[in-house]
Amino acid sequence: MNKQKALKVVNILLAVFALNQTVTALLSGVLSHSVFEIMHKPGGFALSILAIVHVYLNWGWVRTSLLGKPFKKN
């Protein structure tokens, strides 16, 4: 899978897990403790891993835009 296709998948999953975190946090008083534990904690872990993968896949842009180093295309 090339980088662009991987980014499409990662970006969609990032959006889904970010929405999951938001909804479960907002509904934490309504959800049972077990449902909250099942949805929120693993969702946060998945969101963190996906964010790391997202930065890795966009590292060329990060280097150029934020670190001021020239982009080297592999």
C-alpha atoms as a PDB file:
ATOM      1  CA  MET A   1       0.000   0.000   0.000  1.00  0.00           C
ATOM      2  CA  ASN A   2       1.423   3.382  -0.941  1.00  0.00           C
ATOM      3  CA  LYS A   3       1.614   6.326   1.449  1.00  0.00           C
ATOM      4  CA  GLN A   4      -1.409   8.170   0.035  1.00  0.00           C
ATOM      5  CA  LYS A   5      -3.692   5.152   0.330  1.00  0.00           C
ATOM      6  CA  ALA A   6      -2.426   4.492   3.854  1.00  0.00           C
ATOM      7  CA  LEU A   7      -3.110   8.119   4.789  1.00  0.00           C
ATOM      8  CA  LYS A   8      -6.684   7.867   3.515  1.00  0.00           C
ATOM      9  CA  VAL A   9      -7.311   4.872   5.771  1.00  0.00           C
ATOM     10  CA  VAL A  10      -5.486   6.371   8.762  1.00  0.00           C
ATOM     11  CA  ASN A  11      -7.293   9.711   8.429  1.00  0.00           C
ATOM     12  CA  ILE A  12     -10.721   8.055   8.366  1.00  0.00           C
ATOM     13  CA  LEU A  13      -9.838   5.924  11.386  1.00  0.00           C
ATOM     14  CA  LEU A  14      -8.483   8.993  13.207  1.00  0.00           C
ATOM     15  CA  ALA A  15     -11.791  10.765  12.656  1.00  0.00           C
ATOM     16  CA  VAL A  16     -13.802   7.757  13.852  1.00  0.00           C
ATOM     17  CA  PHE A  17     -11.731   7.308  17.016  1.00  0.00           C
ATOM     18  CA  ALA A  18     -11.681  11.057  17.749  1.00  0.00           C
ATOM     19  CA  LEU A  19     -15.475  11.052  17.485  1.00  0.00           C
ATOM     20  CA  ASN A  20     -15.624   7.968  19.723  1.00  0.00           C
ATOM     21  CA  GLN A  21     -13.508   9.709  22.371  1.00  0.00           C
ATOM     22  CA  THR A  22     -15.623  12.853  22.218  1.00  0.00           C
ATOM     23  CA  VAL A  23     -18.954  11.041  22.416  1.00  0.00           C
ATOM     24  CA  THR A  24     -17.916   8.702  25.212  1.00  0.00           C
ATOM     25  CA  ALA A  25     -16.451  11.616  27.197  1.00  0.00           C
ATOM     26  CA  LEU A  26     -19.611  13.700  26.776  1.00  0.00           C
ATOM     27  CA  LEU A  27     -21.839  10.750  27.671  1.00  0.00           C
ATOM     28  CA  SER A  28     -19.695   9.442  30.525  1.00  0.00           C
ATOM     29  CA  GLY A  29     -22.412  10.284  33.033  1.00  0.00           C
ATOM     30  CA  VAL A  30     -25.035   8.432  30.998  1.00  0.00           C
ATOM     31  CA  LEU A  31     -23.036   5.351  29.971  1.00  0.00           C
ATOM     32  CA  SER A  32     -22.518   2.505  32.370  1.00  0.00           C
ATOM     33  CA  HIS A  33     -19.021   2.203  33.753  1.00  0.00           C
ATOM     34  CA  SER A  34     -18.363  -1.049  31.868  1.00  0.00           C
ATOM     35  CA  VAL A  35     -19.472   0.420  28.508  1.00  0.00           C
ATOM     36  CA  PHE A  36     -17.330   3.495  29.133  1.00  0.00           C
ATOM     37  CA  GLU A  37     -14.314   1.299  29.972  1.00  0.00           C
ATOM     38  CA  ILE A  38     -14.829  -0.828  26.849  1.00  0.00           C
ATOM     39  CA  MET A  39     -15.213   2.131  24.478  1.00  0.00           C
ATOM     40  CA  HIS A  40     -13.125   4.970  25.896  1.00  0.00           C
ATOM     41  CA  LYS A  41      -9.869   3.409  27.103  1.00  0.00           C
ATOM     42  CA  PRO A  42      -9.108   1.221  24.055  1.00  0.00           C
ATOM     43  CA  GLY A  43     -10.336   4.043  21.816  1.00  0.00           C
ATOM     44  CA  GLY A  44      -7.821   6.399  23.385  1.00  0.00           C
ATOM     45  CA  PHE A  45      -5.028   3.901  22.865  1.00  0.00           C
ATOM     46  CA  ALA A  46      -6.037   3.393  19.218  1.00  0.00           C
ATOM     47  CA  LEU A  47      -6.273   7.160  18.700  1.00  0.00           C
ATOM     48  CA  SER A  48      -2.761   7.614  20.101  1.00  0.00           C
ATOM     49  CA  ILE A  49      -1.275   4.913  17.858  1.00  0.00           C
ATOM     50  CA  LEU A  50      -3.077   6.299  14.802  1.00  0.00           C
ATOM     51  CA  ALA A  51      -1.795   9.807  15.572  1.00  0.00           C
ATOM     52  CA  ILE A  52       1.776   8.489  15.684  1.00  0.00           C
ATOM     53  CA  VAL A  53       1.260   6.672  12.355  1.00  0.00           C
ATOM     54  CA  HIS A  54      -0.270   9.832  10.880  1.00  0.00           C
ATOM     55  CA  VAL A  55       2.763  11.926  11.857  1.00  0.00           C
ATOM     56  CA  TYR A  56       5.095   9.217  10.525  1.00  0.00           C
ATOM     57  CA  LEU A  57       3.299   9.170   7.158  1.00  0.00           C
ATOM     58  CA  ASN A  58       3.426  12.986   7.003  1.00  0.00           C
ATOM     59  CA  TRP A  59       6.983  13.339   8.272  1.00  0.00           C
ATOM     60  CA  GLY A  60       8.187  15.034   5.070  1.00  0.00           C
ATOM     61  CA  TRP A  61       5.635  17.793   5.524  1.00  0.00           C
ATOM     62  CA  VAL A  62       6.475  18.088   9.230  1.00  0.00           C
ATOM     63  CA  ARG A  63      10.176  18.492   8.462  1.00  0.00           C
ATOM     64  CA  THR A  64       9.556  21.108   5.812  1.00  0.00           C
ATOM     65  CA  SER A  65       6.820  23.104   7.496  1.00  0.00           C
ATOM     66  CA  LEU A  66       7.669  22.937  11.165  1.00  0.00           C
ATOM     67  CA  LEU A  67      11.357  22.163  11.362  1.00  0.00           C
ATOM     68  CA  GLY A  68      12.464  24.214   8.351  1.00  0.00           C
ATOM     69  CA  LYS A  69      14.455  21.356   6.857  1.00  0.00           C
ATOM     70  CA  PRO A  70      14.195  20.602   3.145  1.00  0.00           C
ATOM     71  CA  PHE A  71      11.973  17.740   2.083  1.00  0.00           C
ATOM     72  CA  LYS A  72      13.803  14.750   0.589  1.00  0.00           C
ATOM     73  CA  LYS A  73      11.470  12.522  -1.389  1.00  0.00           C
ATOM     74  CA  ASN A  74      12.368   8.821  -1.103  1.00  0.00           C
END
